[in-house]
Amino acid sequence: MAEINILDIDSEVLSQYRDAIKKAVSLAEEGNFQKAINLLESKLVEAEKLSMIQPEVDVRNQLGILHWKNNSFQHFLEITASSLALAKAHKYKKGIAEALLNLAWVLAMERRDFIKAFDFTEEALEVTEAIGYKKGIATSLYIISAAYKFKKMEEKAAYYLEKSLQISMQLSDEADLLITSEAGLTEEEKDRLKDALDLL
């Protein structure tokens, strides 16, 4: 199957899906999870009918995150796994990276399953580096750092955190979402990193 070319999709159509995702994120931030989920589920049905892979994968990735935030880990896993499979089948690399990072983040930060998270993150890092997706690279390196920190491997943790920080600082409009400190993460910083992942 050919690699997905985002340029083949009308930019206005893509913009409509991006706007719907932003609106869903906003609704969720206000605590209206069911409205946010309903909005994205309707957009997902639309994308499936029109066979638009990139919007479908993007919506699935965000929908998975919303289910996780709404305390449905099983729905998160199911939707994110289907998103990853679809993105891989169509070689939509940004979608692959986002699904892998979503899985890695939730498994590492919420479930403390750093072994599985590490595998997902290594795969995500390979994809993000191949396409030059800096935000994804920075997030991948941060998760690797957190895994090493959890294993009490402080030197490796510091190395990957520093690499993540360097890339984060190169990002112009997204840098504030990924800034961390060597002293570790405050609760506010953890929330900001979660938000950064949500917006990938």
N, C-alpha and C. Protein backbone atom coordinates (compact mmCIF):
# COMPACT_ATOMS: atom_id res chain seq x y z
N MET A 1 0.84 -1.18 0.00
CA MET A 1 0.00 0.00 0.00
C MET A 1 0.89 1.25 0.00
N ALA A 2 0.49 2.26 -0.77
CA ALA A 2 1.30 3.47 -0.89
C ALA A 2 1.28 4.28 0.39
N GLU A 3 2.37 5.02 0.59
CA GLU A 3 2.44 5.90 1.76
C GLU A 3 1.43 7.02 1.61
N ILE A 4 0.74 7.34 2.69
CA ILE A 4 -0.28 8.39 2.63
C ILE A 4 0.36 9.75 2.37
N ASN A 5 -0.25 10.49 1.46
CA ASN A 5 0.25 11.83 1.14
C ASN A 5 -0.80 12.83 1.60
N ILE A 6 -0.48 13.55 2.67
CA ILE A 6 -1.42 14.51 3.25
C ILE A 6 -1.81 15.58 2.22
N LEU A 7 -0.91 15.88 1.30
CA LEU A 7 -1.19 16.90 0.30
C LEU A 7 -2.32 16.49 -0.64
N ASP A 8 -2.64 15.19 -0.69
CA ASP A 8 -3.73 14.72 -1.54
C ASP A 8 -5.10 15.07 -0.95
N ILE A 9 -5.15 15.46 0.31
CA ILE A 9 -6.41 15.78 0.97
C ILE A 9 -6.59 17.30 0.96
N ASP A 10 -7.78 17.73 0.62
CA ASP A 10 -8.10 19.15 0.57
C ASP A 10 -7.78 19.81 1.91
N SER A 11 -7.05 20.93 1.85
CA SER A 11 -6.63 21.61 3.08
C SER A 11 -7.82 22.12 3.89
N GLU A 12 -8.89 22.47 3.22
CA GLU A 12 -10.09 22.94 3.92
C GLU A 12 -10.73 21.80 4.72
N VAL A 13 -10.71 20.60 4.14
CA VAL A 13 -11.26 19.43 4.82
C VAL A 13 -10.41 19.12 6.05
N LEU A 14 -9.10 19.13 5.88
CA LEU A 14 -8.20 18.89 7.00
C LEU A 14 -8.41 19.91 8.11
N SER A 15 -8.60 21.15 7.71
CA SER A 15 -8.82 22.23 8.67
C SER A 15 -10.10 21.99 9.48
N GLN A 16 -11.14 21.49 8.82
CA GLN A 16 -12.41 21.21 9.52
C GLN A 16 -12.21 20.14 10.59
N TYR A 17 -11.42 19.12 10.25
CA TYR A 17 -11.16 18.06 11.23
C TYR A 17 -10.28 18.57 12.37
N ARG A 18 -9.28 19.37 12.04
CA ARG A 18 -8.43 19.94 13.10
C ARG A 18 -9.26 20.82 14.04
N ASP A 19 -10.16 21.61 13.46
CA ASP A 19 -11.03 22.47 14.28
C ASP A 19 -11.92 21.63 15.20
N ALA A 20 -12.44 20.52 14.67
CA ALA A 20 -13.29 19.64 15.49
C ALA A 20 -12.49 19.04 16.64
N ILE A 21 -11.25 18.66 16.37
CA ILE A 21 -10.39 18.10 17.41
C ILE A 21 -10.11 19.15 18.47
N LYS A 22 -9.80 20.38 18.04
CA LYS A 22 -9.54 21.47 19.00
C LYS A 22 -10.78 21.75 19.85
N LYS A 23 -11.94 21.73 19.21
CA LYS A 23 -13.19 21.98 19.95
C LYS A 23 -13.42 20.87 20.98
N ALA A 24 -13.14 19.63 20.59
CA ALA A 24 -13.30 18.50 21.51
C ALA A 24 -12.36 18.63 22.70
N VAL A 25 -11.12 19.03 22.43
CA VAL A 25 -10.14 19.23 23.51
C VAL A 25 -10.64 20.31 24.46
N SER A 26 -11.17 21.39 23.89
CA SER A 26 -11.70 22.50 24.69
C SER A 26 -12.88 22.04 25.56
N LEU A 27 -13.78 21.27 24.97
CA LEU A 27 -14.93 20.75 25.72
C LEU A 27 -14.46 19.85 26.88
N ALA A 28 -13.46 19.02 26.61
CA ALA A 28 -12.93 18.13 27.64
C ALA A 28 -12.29 18.92 28.77
N GLU A 29 -11.57 19.99 28.41
CA GLU A 29 -10.94 20.83 29.44
C GLU A 29 -11.98 21.47 30.35
N GLU A 30 -13.18 21.71 29.81
CA GLU A 30 -14.28 22.27 30.60
C GLU A 30 -15.03 21.19 31.39
N GLY A 31 -14.61 19.93 31.19
CA GLY A 31 -15.26 18.83 31.89
C GLY A 31 -16.39 18.17 31.14
N ASN A 32 -16.63 18.63 29.90
CA ASN A 32 -17.72 18.07 29.07
C ASN A 32 -17.21 16.91 28.22
N PHE A 33 -16.78 15.84 28.89
CA PHE A 33 -16.18 14.72 28.18
C PHE A 33 -17.14 14.04 27.22
N GLN A 34 -18.38 13.85 27.64
CA GLN A 34 -19.31 13.14 26.76
C GLN A 34 -19.59 13.93 25.49
N LYS A 35 -19.73 15.26 25.61
CA LYS A 35 -19.93 16.09 24.42
C LYS A 35 -18.71 16.01 23.50
N ALA A 36 -17.52 16.04 24.11
CA ALA A 36 -16.28 15.96 23.33
C ALA A 36 -16.19 14.62 22.61
N ILE A 37 -16.50 13.56 23.31
CA ILE A 37 -16.47 12.21 22.72
C ILE A 37 -17.50 12.09 21.61
N ASN A 38 -18.72 12.58 21.85
CA ASN A 38 -19.78 12.52 20.83
C ASN A 38 -19.38 13.28 19.56
N LEU A 39 -18.76 14.45 19.75
CA LEU A 39 -18.32 15.25 18.60
C LEU A 39 -17.32 14.46 17.76
N LEU A 40 -16.31 13.87 18.42
CA LEU A 40 -15.29 13.15 17.67
C LEU A 40 -15.82 11.85 17.08
N GLU A 41 -16.75 11.21 17.77
CA GLU A 41 -17.34 9.98 17.21
C GLU A 41 -18.10 10.28 15.92
N SER A 42 -18.79 11.43 15.88
CA SER A 42 -19.51 11.80 14.66
C SER A 42 -18.53 12.13 13.54
N LYS A 43 -17.42 12.77 13.87
CA LYS A 43 -16.40 13.08 12.86
C LYS A 43 -15.71 11.80 12.37
N LEU A 44 -15.58 10.84 13.26
CA LEU A 44 -14.97 9.56 12.89
C LEU A 44 -15.84 8.81 11.89
N VAL A 45 -17.14 8.77 12.13
CA VAL A 45 -18.08 8.12 11.20
C VAL A 45 -17.99 8.78 9.82
N GLU A 46 -17.93 10.10 9.83
CA GLU A 46 -17.82 10.88 8.58
C GLU A 46 -16.54 10.53 7.83
N ALA A 47 -15.42 10.50 8.53
CA ALA A 47 -14.12 10.20 7.90
C ALA A 47 -14.09 8.78 7.35
N GLU A 48 -14.69 7.85 8.10
CA GLU A 48 -14.74 6.45 7.65
C GLU A 48 -15.55 6.33 6.36
N LYS A 49 -16.69 7.02 6.31
CA LYS A 49 -17.55 6.96 5.12
C LYS A 49 -16.84 7.51 3.89
N LEU A 50 -16.04 8.56 4.10
CA LEU A 50 -15.33 9.20 2.99
C LEU A 50 -13.97 8.57 2.72
N SER A 51 -13.60 7.54 3.50
CA SER A 51 -12.31 6.85 3.37
C SER A 51 -11.12 7.81 3.43
N MET A 52 -11.19 8.75 4.36
CA MET A 52 -10.09 9.70 4.54
C MET A 52 -9.23 9.22 5.71
N ILE A 53 -8.14 8.57 5.38
CA ILE A 53 -7.32 7.89 6.38
C ILE A 53 -6.70 8.85 7.39
N GLN A 54 -6.07 9.92 6.89
CA GLN A 54 -5.36 10.82 7.82
C GLN A 54 -6.31 11.45 8.85
N PRO A 55 -7.44 12.04 8.45
CA PRO A 55 -8.36 12.55 9.47
C PRO A 55 -8.90 11.46 10.38
N GLU A 56 -9.15 10.28 9.81
CA GLU A 56 -9.68 9.18 10.63
C GLU A 56 -8.67 8.79 11.73
N VAL A 57 -7.41 8.67 11.36
CA VAL A 57 -6.37 8.32 12.34
C VAL A 57 -6.23 9.43 13.38
N ASP A 58 -6.20 10.68 12.92
CA ASP A 58 -6.05 11.81 13.84
C ASP A 58 -7.20 11.85 14.85
N VAL A 59 -8.42 11.64 14.36
CA VAL A 59 -9.59 11.65 15.25
C VAL A 59 -9.53 10.47 16.22
N ARG A 60 -9.16 9.30 15.72
CA ARG A 60 -9.04 8.12 16.60
C ARG A 60 -8.02 8.36 17.71
N ASN A 61 -6.87 8.94 17.34
CA ASN A 61 -5.84 9.20 18.36
C ASN A 61 -6.36 10.12 19.46
N GLN A 62 -7.05 11.18 19.07
CA GLN A 62 -7.58 12.11 20.07
C GLN A 62 -8.72 11.50 20.86
N LEU A 63 -9.56 10.71 20.18
CA LEU A 63 -10.68 10.05 20.84
C LEU A 63 -10.18 9.09 21.91
N GLY A 64 -9.10 8.39 21.61
CA GLY A 64 -8.50 7.49 22.59
C GLY A 64 -8.08 8.24 23.84
N ILE A 65 -7.42 9.37 23.65
CA ILE A 65 -6.98 10.19 24.79
C ILE A 65 -8.17 10.67 25.62
N LEU A 66 -9.25 11.06 24.94
CA LEU A 66 -10.44 11.52 25.67
C LEU A 66 -11.04 10.40 26.52
N HIS A 67 -11.07 9.19 25.97
CA HIS A 67 -11.59 8.06 26.75
C HIS A 67 -10.69 7.78 27.96
N TRP A 68 -9.38 7.88 27.77
CA TRP A 68 -8.46 7.69 28.89
C TRP A 68 -8.72 8.74 29.97
N LYS A 69 -8.83 10.01 29.56
CA LYS A 69 -9.07 11.08 30.53
C LYS A 69 -10.43 10.94 31.20
N ASN A 70 -11.34 10.26 30.52
CA ASN A 70 -12.67 10.03 31.07
C ASN A 70 -12.73 8.69 31.81
N ASN A 71 -11.55 8.21 32.21
CA ASN A 71 -11.41 7.00 33.05
C ASN A 71 -11.86 5.71 32.37
N SER A 72 -11.64 5.62 31.06
CA SER A 72 -11.93 4.36 30.37
C SER A 72 -10.66 3.88 29.67
N PHE A 73 -9.80 3.23 30.45
CA PHE A 73 -8.52 2.74 29.94
C PHE A 73 -8.73 1.73 28.82
N GLN A 74 -9.74 0.85 28.96
CA GLN A 74 -9.99 -0.18 27.95
C GLN A 74 -10.38 0.44 26.61
N HIS A 75 -11.26 1.45 26.64
CA HIS A 75 -11.62 2.15 25.40
C HIS A 75 -10.41 2.82 24.79
N PHE A 76 -9.59 3.43 25.64
CA PHE A 76 -8.36 4.07 25.16
C PHE A 76 -7.50 3.06 24.41
N LEU A 77 -7.28 1.89 25.00
CA LEU A 77 -6.45 0.87 24.37
C LEU A 77 -7.02 0.41 23.04
N GLU A 78 -8.32 0.14 23.01
CA GLU A 78 -8.97 -0.37 21.80
C GLU A 78 -8.88 0.63 20.65
N ILE A 79 -9.22 1.88 20.95
CA ILE A 79 -9.24 2.92 19.90
C ILE A 79 -7.81 3.22 19.42
N THR A 80 -6.88 3.31 20.36
CA THR A 80 -5.51 3.64 19.98
C THR A 80 -4.87 2.49 19.20
N ALA A 81 -5.17 1.26 19.58
CA ALA A 81 -4.64 0.10 18.84
C ALA A 81 -5.19 0.09 17.41
N SER A 82 -6.48 0.42 17.26
CA SER A 82 -7.07 0.45 15.91
C SER A 82 -6.49 1.59 15.09
N SER A 83 -6.22 2.70 15.74
CA SER A 83 -5.61 3.84 15.07
C SER A 83 -4.20 3.48 14.59
N LEU A 84 -3.43 2.83 15.46
CA LEU A 84 -2.07 2.43 15.10
C LEU A 84 -2.07 1.45 13.93
N ALA A 85 -2.98 0.48 13.97
CA ALA A 85 -3.06 -0.51 12.89
C ALA A 85 -3.41 0.16 11.56
N LEU A 86 -4.38 1.08 11.60
CA LEU A 86 -4.79 1.78 10.38
C LEU A 86 -3.66 2.65 9.84
N ALA A 87 -3.00 3.38 10.73
CA ALA A 87 -1.88 4.25 10.31
C ALA A 87 -0.75 3.43 9.71
N LYS A 88 -0.45 2.28 10.30
CA LYS A 88 0.61 1.41 9.78
C LYS A 88 0.22 0.83 8.42
N ALA A 89 -1.04 0.42 8.29
CA ALA A 89 -1.50 -0.16 7.02
C ALA A 89 -1.37 0.82 5.87
N HIS A 90 -1.53 2.11 6.16
CA HIS A 90 -1.47 3.14 5.12
C HIS A 90 -0.17 3.95 5.16
N LYS A 91 0.75 3.54 6.02
CA LYS A 91 2.06 4.19 6.15
C LYS A 91 1.94 5.69 6.44
N TYR A 92 0.97 6.03 7.28
CA TYR A 92 0.80 7.41 7.71
C TYR A 92 1.67 7.60 8.96
N LYS A 93 2.88 8.08 8.73
CA LYS A 93 3.92 8.04 9.77
C LYS A 93 3.63 8.94 10.96
N LYS A 94 3.09 10.12 10.73
CA LYS A 94 2.78 10.99 11.87
C LYS A 94 1.70 10.35 12.74
N GLY A 95 0.72 9.71 12.11
CA GLY A 95 -0.33 9.01 12.85
C GLY A 95 0.22 7.83 13.64
N ILE A 96 1.19 7.13 13.04
CA ILE A 96 1.85 6.01 13.74
C ILE A 96 2.55 6.54 14.98
N ALA A 97 3.32 7.61 14.80
CA ALA A 97 4.08 8.19 15.92
C ALA A 97 3.15 8.63 17.05
N GLU A 98 2.06 9.30 16.69
CA GLU A 98 1.14 9.80 17.71
C GLU A 98 0.49 8.67 18.49
N ALA A 99 0.07 7.62 17.79
CA ALA A 99 -0.55 6.47 18.47
C ALA A 99 0.46 5.80 19.40
N LEU A 100 1.69 5.61 18.93
CA LEU A 100 2.74 5.00 19.76
C LEU A 100 3.03 5.85 21.00
N LEU A 101 3.11 7.16 20.80
CA LEU A 101 3.41 8.05 21.93
C LEU A 101 2.25 8.09 22.93
N ASN A 102 1.03 8.05 22.43
CA ASN A 102 -0.12 8.00 23.34
C ASN A 102 -0.06 6.74 24.20
N LEU A 103 0.22 5.60 23.55
CA LEU A 103 0.33 4.34 24.29
C LEU A 103 1.47 4.40 25.30
N ALA A 104 2.62 4.89 24.86
CA ALA A 104 3.79 4.97 25.74
C ALA A 104 3.52 5.88 26.94
N TRP A 105 2.93 7.03 26.66
CA TRP A 105 2.67 8.00 27.73
C TRP A 105 1.76 7.42 28.81
N VAL A 106 0.63 6.86 28.38
CA VAL A 106 -0.34 6.34 29.33
C VAL A 106 0.24 5.16 30.11
N LEU A 107 0.93 4.27 29.41
CA LEU A 107 1.52 3.11 30.09
C LEU A 107 2.61 3.54 31.08
N ALA A 108 3.41 4.53 30.69
CA ALA A 108 4.51 4.96 31.57
C ALA A 108 4.02 5.82 32.72
N MET A 109 3.27 6.85 32.42
CA MET A 109 2.91 7.83 33.43
C MET A 109 1.75 7.40 34.32
N GLU A 110 0.85 6.62 33.77
CA GLU A 110 -0.32 6.22 34.55
C GLU A 110 -0.21 4.81 35.10
N ARG A 111 0.35 3.88 34.32
CA ARG A 111 0.41 2.48 34.72
C ARG A 111 1.78 2.06 35.22
N ARG A 112 2.76 2.93 35.07
CA ARG A 112 4.15 2.63 35.48
C ARG A 112 4.68 1.36 34.80
N ASP A 113 4.13 1.07 33.61
CA ASP A 113 4.61 -0.09 32.84
C ASP A 113 5.68 0.40 31.88
N PHE A 114 6.86 0.64 32.42
CA PHE A 114 7.94 1.24 31.64
C PHE A 114 8.54 0.29 30.61
N ILE A 115 8.37 -1.01 30.80
CA ILE A 115 8.93 -1.96 29.83
C ILE A 115 8.18 -1.85 28.51
N LYS A 116 6.85 -1.93 28.55
CA LYS A 116 6.05 -1.79 27.33
C LYS A 116 6.18 -0.37 26.78
N ALA A 117 6.14 0.62 27.67
CA ALA A 117 6.24 2.01 27.24
C ALA A 117 7.54 2.26 26.50
N PHE A 118 8.62 1.68 27.01
CA PHE A 118 9.93 1.87 26.39
C PHE A 118 9.94 1.34 24.96
N ASP A 119 9.33 0.16 24.76
CA ASP A 119 9.27 -0.43 23.41
C ASP A 119 8.50 0.47 22.45
N PHE A 120 7.33 0.95 22.90
CA PHE A 120 6.53 1.85 22.07
C PHE A 120 7.31 3.13 21.76
N THR A 121 8.01 3.65 22.77
CA THR A 121 8.73 4.91 22.60
C THR A 121 9.90 4.77 21.65
N GLU A 122 10.61 3.66 21.74
CA GLU A 122 11.73 3.43 20.81
C GLU A 122 11.25 3.39 19.37
N GLU A 123 10.12 2.72 19.15
CA GLU A 123 9.54 2.66 17.81
C GLU A 123 9.09 4.05 17.37
N ALA A 124 8.46 4.79 18.29
CA ALA A 124 8.00 6.14 17.98
C ALA A 124 9.18 7.05 17.64
N LEU A 125 10.27 6.91 18.37
CA LEU A 125 11.45 7.76 18.14
C LEU A 125 12.01 7.52 16.75
N GLU A 126 12.03 6.27 16.33
CA GLU A 126 12.52 5.94 14.98
C GLU A 126 11.67 6.62 13.92
N VAL A 127 10.34 6.57 14.11
CA VAL A 127 9.42 7.18 13.14
C VAL A 127 9.53 8.71 13.17
N THR A 128 9.53 9.29 14.37
CA THR A 128 9.57 10.75 14.48
C THR A 128 10.87 11.32 13.91
N GLU A 129 11.98 10.62 14.12
CA GLU A 129 13.25 11.08 13.57
C GLU A 129 13.24 10.98 12.05
N ALA A 130 12.62 9.92 11.51
CA ALA A 130 12.57 9.72 10.06
C ALA A 130 11.81 10.83 9.36
N ILE A 131 10.77 11.36 10.02
CA ILE A 131 9.96 12.41 9.38
C ILE A 131 10.28 13.81 9.93
N GLY A 132 11.23 13.90 10.86
CA GLY A 132 11.61 15.20 11.40
C GLY A 132 10.54 15.84 12.26
N TYR A 133 9.78 15.03 12.97
CA TYR A 133 8.67 15.50 13.79
C TYR A 133 9.23 15.85 15.17
N LYS A 134 9.66 17.11 15.33
CA LYS A 134 10.42 17.51 16.52
C LYS A 134 9.64 17.37 17.82
N LYS A 135 8.38 17.72 17.79
CA LYS A 135 7.58 17.61 19.00
C LYS A 135 7.50 16.15 19.44
N GLY A 136 7.33 15.26 18.47
CA GLY A 136 7.30 13.84 18.76
C GLY A 136 8.63 13.32 19.26
N ILE A 137 9.73 13.82 18.68
CA ILE A 137 11.07 13.43 19.13
C ILE A 137 11.28 13.85 20.58
N ALA A 138 10.93 15.10 20.88
CA ALA A 138 11.10 15.62 22.24
C ALA A 138 10.29 14.81 23.25
N THR A 139 9.05 14.47 22.89
CA THR A 139 8.21 13.69 23.78
C THR A 139 8.77 12.28 23.96
N SER A 140 9.24 11.68 22.87
CA SER A 140 9.86 10.34 22.94
C SER A 140 11.04 10.34 23.90
N LEU A 141 11.91 11.33 23.75
CA LEU A 141 13.10 11.40 24.59
C LEU A 141 12.73 11.63 26.05
N TYR A 142 11.67 12.42 26.28
CA TYR A 142 11.23 12.65 27.66
C TYR A 142 10.74 11.35 28.30
N ILE A 143 9.96 10.57 27.56
CA ILE A 143 9.44 9.32 28.10
C ILE A 143 10.59 8.35 28.39
N ILE A 144 11.58 8.30 27.50
CA ILE A 144 12.75 7.45 27.73
C ILE A 144 13.46 7.91 29.01
N SER A 145 13.60 9.21 29.18
CA SER A 145 14.23 9.76 30.39
C SER A 145 13.45 9.34 31.64
N ALA A 146 12.12 9.44 31.57
CA ALA A 146 11.28 9.06 32.71
C ALA A 146 11.43 7.57 33.03
N ALA A 147 11.56 6.75 31.99
CA ALA A 147 11.74 5.31 32.20
C ALA A 147 13.05 5.04 32.92
N TYR A 148 14.12 5.70 32.50
CA TYR A 148 15.41 5.52 33.16
C TYR A 148 15.38 6.05 34.60
N LYS A 149 14.67 7.15 34.79
CA LYS A 149 14.56 7.71 36.14
C LYS A 149 13.84 6.73 37.06
N PHE A 150 12.78 6.12 36.54
CA PHE A 150 12.02 5.13 37.31
C PHE A 150 12.91 3.94 37.69
N LYS A 151 13.85 3.59 36.78
CA LYS A 151 14.76 2.47 37.04
C LYS A 151 15.97 2.89 37.88
N LYS A 152 15.97 4.16 38.33
CA LYS A 152 17.07 4.71 39.14
C LYS A 152 18.39 4.78 38.37
N MET A 153 18.27 4.91 37.05
CA MET A 153 19.46 5.06 36.21
C MET A 153 19.60 6.54 35.89
N GLU A 154 20.03 7.29 36.91
CA GLU A 154 19.99 8.75 36.88
C GLU A 154 20.82 9.36 35.75
N GLU A 155 21.97 8.78 35.46
CA GLU A 155 22.84 9.35 34.42
C GLU A 155 22.17 9.29 33.05
N LYS A 156 21.59 8.13 32.73
CA LYS A 156 20.89 7.99 31.44
C LYS A 156 19.64 8.86 31.42
N ALA A 157 18.94 8.92 32.55
CA ALA A 157 17.73 9.76 32.65
C ALA A 157 18.08 11.21 32.35
N ALA A 158 19.16 11.70 32.95
CA ALA A 158 19.59 13.09 32.75
C ALA A 158 19.99 13.34 31.30
N TYR A 159 20.67 12.36 30.69
CA TYR A 159 21.11 12.49 29.29
C TYR A 159 19.91 12.67 28.36
N TYR A 160 18.91 11.80 28.49
CA TYR A 160 17.74 11.88 27.61
C TYR A 160 16.86 13.09 27.92
N LEU A 161 16.81 13.48 29.18
CA LEU A 161 16.06 14.68 29.53
C LEU A 161 16.71 15.91 28.89
N GLU A 162 18.02 15.98 28.93
CA GLU A 162 18.74 17.10 28.32
C GLU A 162 18.50 17.16 26.82
N LYS A 163 18.52 15.99 26.17
CA LYS A 163 18.24 15.94 24.72
C LYS A 163 16.81 16.41 24.42
N SER A 164 15.88 15.99 25.28
CA SER A 164 14.49 16.41 25.11
C SER A 164 14.36 17.93 25.27
N LEU A 165 15.04 18.47 26.28
CA LEU A 165 15.01 19.91 26.52
C LEU A 165 15.58 20.69 25.34
N GLN A 166 16.68 20.20 24.79
CA GLN A 166 17.32 20.89 23.66
C GLN A 166 16.37 21.00 22.48
N ILE A 167 15.69 19.90 22.17
CA ILE A 167 14.75 19.91 21.04
C ILE A 167 13.54 20.76 21.37
N SER A 168 13.07 20.67 22.61
CA SER A 168 11.91 21.47 23.03
C SER A 168 12.16 22.95 22.83
N MET A 169 13.38 23.38 23.17
CA MET A 169 13.72 24.80 23.06
C MET A 169 13.79 25.26 21.60
N GLN A 170 13.96 24.33 20.68
CA GLN A 170 14.00 24.68 19.26
C GLN A 170 12.60 24.94 18.70
N LEU A 171 11.60 24.42 19.40
CA LEU A 171 10.23 24.59 18.93
C LEU A 171 9.76 25.99 19.26
N SER A 172 9.19 26.65 18.32
CA SER A 172 8.78 28.04 18.56
C SER A 172 7.44 28.11 19.27
N ASP A 173 6.37 27.78 18.58
CA ASP A 173 5.04 27.96 19.19
C ASP A 173 4.65 26.83 20.13
N GLU A 174 5.43 25.73 20.16
CA GLU A 174 5.05 24.61 21.01
C GLU A 174 5.97 24.44 22.22
N ALA A 175 7.04 25.23 22.29
CA ALA A 175 8.06 25.01 23.33
C ALA A 175 7.49 25.05 24.74
N ASP A 176 6.54 25.96 24.97
CA ASP A 176 6.02 26.09 26.33
C ASP A 176 5.29 24.84 26.80
N LEU A 177 4.85 24.01 25.86
CA LEU A 177 4.13 22.81 26.24
C LEU A 177 5.07 21.69 26.68
N LEU A 178 6.34 21.80 26.34
CA LEU A 178 7.25 20.69 26.59
C LEU A 178 8.38 21.02 27.55
N ILE A 179 8.42 22.23 28.08
CA ILE A 179 9.53 22.62 28.96
C ILE A 179 9.49 21.82 30.25
N THR A 180 10.62 21.24 30.61
CA THR A 180 10.75 20.52 31.87
C THR A 180 11.97 21.07 32.58
N SER A 181 12.21 20.60 33.79
CA SER A 181 13.39 21.07 34.51
C SER A 181 14.19 19.87 34.99
N GLU A 182 15.48 20.09 35.20
CA GLU A 182 16.34 19.00 35.62
C GLU A 182 15.98 18.53 37.03
N ALA A 183 15.35 19.37 37.80
CA ALA A 183 14.98 19.00 39.17
C ALA A 183 13.82 18.01 39.20
N GLY A 184 13.19 17.81 38.07
CA GLY A 184 12.04 16.90 38.01
C GLY A 184 10.78 17.67 37.69
N LEU A 185 9.69 16.97 37.57
CA LEU A 185 8.44 17.58 37.15
C LEU A 185 7.55 17.93 38.33
N THR A 186 7.03 19.15 38.31
CA THR A 186 5.99 19.51 39.26
C THR A 186 4.68 18.96 38.72
N GLU A 187 3.63 18.98 39.52
CA GLU A 187 2.33 18.50 39.04
C GLU A 187 1.85 19.34 37.86
N GLU A 188 2.10 20.64 37.92
CA GLU A 188 1.69 21.52 36.83
C GLU A 188 2.43 21.16 35.54
N GLU A 189 3.73 20.85 35.65
CA GLU A 189 4.51 20.48 34.48
C GLU A 189 4.02 19.15 33.91
N LYS A 190 3.65 18.22 34.78
CA LYS A 190 3.11 16.95 34.30
C LYS A 190 1.83 17.19 33.50
N ASP A 191 0.98 18.09 34.01
CA ASP A 191 -0.25 18.41 33.30
C ASP A 191 0.05 19.03 31.94
N ARG A 192 1.05 19.91 31.91
CA ARG A 192 1.41 20.56 30.65
C ARG A 192 1.96 19.55 29.65
N LEU A 193 2.73 18.58 30.14
CA LEU A 193 3.26 17.55 29.25
C LEU A 193 2.13 16.65 28.74
N LYS A 194 1.16 16.35 29.60
CA LYS A 194 0.01 15.57 29.16
C LYS A 194 -0.74 16.33 28.08
N ASP A 195 -0.93 17.63 28.30
CA ASP A 195 -1.61 18.45 27.29
C ASP A 195 -0.83 18.48 25.99
N ALA A 196 0.49 18.52 26.10
CA ALA A 196 1.33 18.52 24.89
C ALA A 196 1.11 17.23 24.11
N LEU A 197 1.05 16.13 24.81
CA LEU A 197 0.82 14.85 24.15
C LEU A 197 -0.56 14.81 23.53
N ASP A 198 -1.55 15.34 24.24
CA ASP A 198 -2.92 15.37 23.71
C ASP A 198 -2.99 16.10 22.37
N LEU A 199 -2.15 17.11 22.23
CA LEU A 199 -2.21 17.95 21.03
C LEU A 199 -1.30 17.45 19.91
N LEU A 200 -0.61 16.37 20.10
CA LEU A 200 0.28 15.85 19.07
C LEU A 200 -0.51 15.49 17.83
